[in-house]
Amino acid sequence: MKKLQLLTLALLITSIGMFASNKETVPVAKKEIRSQIVQLLHTPNFTVENDITVNLTFTFSTEGEIVILNVDSSDSDVLKYVRENLNYKKIEAPGAFDKHYTMPLKLKAI
């Protein structure tokens, strides 16, 4: 009986902890935001030898500009390309300015 009570207490604490935790998950970018971002990205001015997938983390300023927070890549060409083409660019339907968005970006080899 004591084991059952202990198990019940452990499950209760675990479930309360899961629901009460402040999760640091970032919502996935909406389709309309994604399509506008893809339009801003043109063919890169550097050679992509292998397919590259990077995750962009961004938010929006109060003026509706994209603010790049993180580019998950160690390639300096990719970092420069994304920041030059996206950072502080306005789009028509920005998301909420206080939320962080994440979006995968694929650069295909030519």
C-alpha atoms as a PDB file:
ATOM      1  CA  MET A   1       0.000   0.000   0.000  1.00  0.00           C
ATOM      2  CA  LYS A   2       2.875   2.326   0.825  1.00  0.00           C
ATOM      3  CA  LYS A   3       4.446   1.696  -2.590  1.00  0.00           C
ATOM      4  CA  LEU A   4       1.181   2.578  -4.326  1.00  0.00           C
ATOM      5  CA  GLN A   5       0.918   5.837  -2.393  1.00  0.00           C
ATOM      6  CA  LEU A   6       4.548   6.667  -3.181  1.00  0.00           C
ATOM      7  CA  LEU A   7       4.017   5.898  -6.875  1.00  0.00           C
ATOM      8  CA  THR A   8       0.873   8.046  -6.961  1.00  0.00           C
ATOM      9  CA  LEU A   9       2.698  10.921  -5.280  1.00  0.00           C
ATOM     10  CA  ALA A  10       5.606  10.641  -7.725  1.00  0.00           C
ATOM     11  CA  LEU A  11       3.250  10.679 -10.725  1.00  0.00           C
ATOM     12  CA  LEU A  12       1.377  13.669  -9.317  1.00  0.00           C
ATOM     13  CA  ILE A  13       4.576  15.654  -8.773  1.00  0.00           C
ATOM     14  CA  THR A  14       5.874  14.747 -12.223  1.00  0.00           C
ATOM     15  CA  SER A  15       2.654  15.723 -14.000  1.00  0.00           C
ATOM     16  CA  ILE A  16       2.388  19.008 -12.084  1.00  0.00           C
ATOM     17  CA  GLY A  17       6.005  19.769 -12.915  1.00  0.00           C
ATOM     18  CA  MET A  18       5.423  19.120 -16.614  1.00  0.00           C
ATOM     19  CA  PHE A  19       2.418  21.421 -16.838  1.00  0.00           C
ATOM     20  CA  ALA A  20       3.851  24.156 -14.622  1.00  0.00           C
ATOM     21  CA  SER A  21       7.246  24.379 -16.288  1.00  0.00           C
ATOM     22  CA  ASN A  22       8.010  27.441 -18.362  1.00  0.00           C
ATOM     23  CA  LYS A  23       8.859  25.850 -21.677  1.00  0.00           C
ATOM     24  CA  GLU A  24      11.356  27.584 -23.927  1.00  0.00           C
ATOM     25  CA  THR A  25       9.874  26.141 -27.091  1.00  0.00           C
ATOM     26  CA  VAL A  26       9.615  28.394 -30.095  1.00  0.00           C
ATOM     27  CA  PRO A  27       6.615  28.213 -32.380  1.00  0.00           C
ATOM     28  CA  VAL A  28       7.138  27.202 -35.977  1.00  0.00           C
ATOM     29  CA  ALA A  29       6.793  30.020 -38.502  1.00  0.00           C
ATOM     30  CA  LYS A  30       3.434  30.298 -40.222  1.00  0.00           C
ATOM     31  CA  LYS A  31       3.137  29.530 -43.921  1.00  0.00           C
ATOM     32  CA  GLU A  32       2.532  33.133 -44.976  1.00  0.00           C
ATOM     33  CA  ILE A  33       5.551  34.362 -43.011  1.00  0.00           C
ATOM     34  CA  ARG A  34       7.635  31.570 -44.512  1.00  0.00           C
ATOM     35  CA  SER A  35       6.602  32.382 -48.083  1.00  0.00           C
ATOM     36  CA  GLN A  36       7.477  36.067 -47.619  1.00  0.00           C
ATOM     37  CA  ILE A  37      10.866  35.159 -46.148  1.00  0.00           C
ATOM     38  CA  VAL A  38      11.589  32.801 -49.045  1.00  0.00           C
ATOM     39  CA  GLN A  39      10.820  35.656 -51.458  1.00  0.00           C
ATOM     40  CA  LEU A  40      13.458  37.795 -49.737  1.00  0.00           C
ATOM     41  CA  LEU A  41      16.076  35.088 -50.168  1.00  0.00           C
ATOM     42  CA  HIS A  42      17.400  34.953 -53.690  1.00  0.00           C
ATOM     43  CA  THR A  43      20.089  32.729 -55.154  1.00  0.00           C
ATOM     44  CA  PRO A  44      23.157  32.915 -52.906  1.00  0.00           C
ATOM     45  CA  ASN A  45      26.229  34.677 -54.253  1.00  0.00           C
ATOM     46  CA  PHE A  46      28.471  31.833 -53.104  1.00  0.00           C
ATOM     47  CA  THR A  47      28.812  28.228 -54.199  1.00  0.00           C
ATOM     48  CA  VAL A  48      26.902  25.654 -52.184  1.00  0.00           C
ATOM     49  CA  GLU A  49      28.782  22.369 -52.578  1.00  0.00           C
ATOM     50  CA  ASN A  50      26.510  20.207 -50.413  1.00  0.00           C
ATOM     51  CA  ASP A  51      22.882  20.635 -49.404  1.00  0.00           C
ATOM     52  CA  ILE A  52      22.759  22.661 -46.196  1.00  0.00           C
ATOM     53  CA  THR A  53      19.861  22.853 -43.746  1.00  0.00           C
ATOM     54  CA  VAL A  54      19.976  25.558 -41.092  1.00  0.00           C
ATOM     55  CA  ASN A  55      17.441  26.619 -38.498  1.00  0.00           C
ATOM     56  CA  LEU A  56      16.640  30.309 -38.300  1.00  0.00           C
ATOM     57  CA  THR A  57      15.397  31.797 -35.075  1.00  0.00           C
ATOM     58  CA  PHE A  58      13.882  35.222 -35.476  1.00  0.00           C
ATOM     59  CA  THR A  59      11.378  37.666 -34.083  1.00  0.00           C
ATOM     60  CA  PHE A  60       9.716  40.826 -35.323  1.00  0.00           C
ATOM     61  CA  SER A  61      10.312  44.400 -34.217  1.00  0.00           C
ATOM     62  CA  THR A  62       7.406  46.701 -33.408  1.00  0.00           C
ATOM     63  CA  GLU A  63       7.769  48.141 -36.938  1.00  0.00           C
ATOM     64  CA  GLY A  64       7.273  44.687 -38.514  1.00  0.00           C
ATOM     65  CA  GLU A  65      10.922  44.118 -39.394  1.00  0.00           C
ATOM     66  CA  ILE A  66      12.495  40.680 -39.189  1.00  0.00           C
ATOM     67  CA  VAL A  67      15.176  40.492 -36.497  1.00  0.00           C
ATOM     68  CA  ILE A  68      17.439  37.457 -36.881  1.00  0.00           C
ATOM     69  CA  LEU A  69      18.316  36.060 -33.446  1.00  0.00           C
ATOM     70  CA  ASN A  70      20.190  32.904 -34.402  1.00  0.00           C
ATOM     71  CA  VAL A  71      21.339  31.082 -37.519  1.00  0.00           C
ATOM     72  CA  ASP A  72      22.207  27.487 -36.696  1.00  0.00           C
ATOM     73  CA  SER A  73      25.252  27.247 -38.956  1.00  0.00           C
ATOM     74  CA  SER A  74      29.000  27.473 -38.573  1.00  0.00           C
ATOM     75  CA  ASP A  75      29.502  28.458 -42.233  1.00  0.00           C
ATOM     76  CA  SER A  76      30.330  32.170 -42.350  1.00  0.00           C
ATOM     77  CA  ASP A  77      28.988  32.517 -45.911  1.00  0.00           C
ATOM     78  CA  VAL A  78      25.584  31.218 -44.839  1.00  0.00           C
ATOM     79  CA  LEU A  79      25.518  33.502 -41.793  1.00  0.00           C
ATOM     80  CA  LYS A  80      26.393  36.544 -43.881  1.00  0.00           C
ATOM     81  CA  TYR A  81      23.899  35.617 -46.618  1.00  0.00           C
ATOM     82  CA  VAL A  82      20.980  35.205 -44.206  1.00  0.00           C
ATOM     83  CA  ARG A  83      21.750  38.349 -42.212  1.00  0.00           C
ATOM     84  CA  GLU A  84      22.211  40.536 -45.293  1.00  0.00           C
ATOM     85  CA  ASN A  85      19.019  39.345 -46.965  1.00  0.00           C
ATOM     86  CA  LEU A  86      16.689  39.066 -43.972  1.00  0.00           C
ATOM     87  CA  ASN A  87      17.822  41.135 -41.008  1.00  0.00           C
ATOM     88  CA  TYR A  88      15.685  44.286 -40.581  1.00  0.00           C
ATOM     89  CA  LYS A  89      13.667  43.659 -43.756  1.00  0.00           C
ATOM     90  CA  LYS A  90       9.944  44.437 -43.585  1.00  0.00           C
ATOM     91  CA  ILE A  91       7.304  41.962 -44.665  1.00  0.00           C
ATOM     92  CA  GLU A  92       3.595  42.475 -45.275  1.00  0.00           C
ATOM     93  CA  ALA A  93       2.135  40.243 -42.573  1.00  0.00           C
ATOM     94  CA  PRO A  94       4.626  39.960 -39.703  1.00  0.00           C
ATOM     95  CA  GLY A  95       3.984  37.826 -36.671  1.00  0.00           C
ATOM     96  CA  ALA A  96       3.759  39.016 -33.084  1.00  0.00           C
ATOM     97  CA  PHE A  97       6.725  41.136 -32.026  1.00  0.00           C
ATOM     98  CA  ASP A  98       7.143  39.424 -28.657  1.00  0.00           C
ATOM     99  CA  LYS A  99       7.356  35.829 -29.925  1.00  0.00           C
ATOM    100  CA  HIS A 100      10.331  33.898 -31.218  1.00  0.00           C
ATOM    101  CA  TYR A 101       9.863  31.921 -34.409  1.00  0.00           C
ATOM    102  CA  THR A 102      11.948  29.135 -35.861  1.00  0.00           C
ATOM    103  CA  MET A 103      12.129  28.047 -39.467  1.00  0.00           C
ATOM    104  CA  PRO A 104      14.261  25.488 -41.275  1.00  0.00           C
ATOM    105  CA  LEU A 105      16.049  26.819 -44.346  1.00  0.00           C
ATOM    106  CA  LYS A 106      17.504  24.567 -47.051  1.00  0.00           C
ATOM    107  CA  LEU A 107      20.255  25.667 -49.377  1.00  0.00           C
ATOM    108  CA  LYS A 108      20.588  23.206 -52.233  1.00  0.00           C
ATOM    109  CA  ALA A 109      23.825  22.418 -53.999  1.00  0.00           C
ATOM    110  CA  ILE A 110      24.104  23.498 -57.606  1.00  0.00           C
END
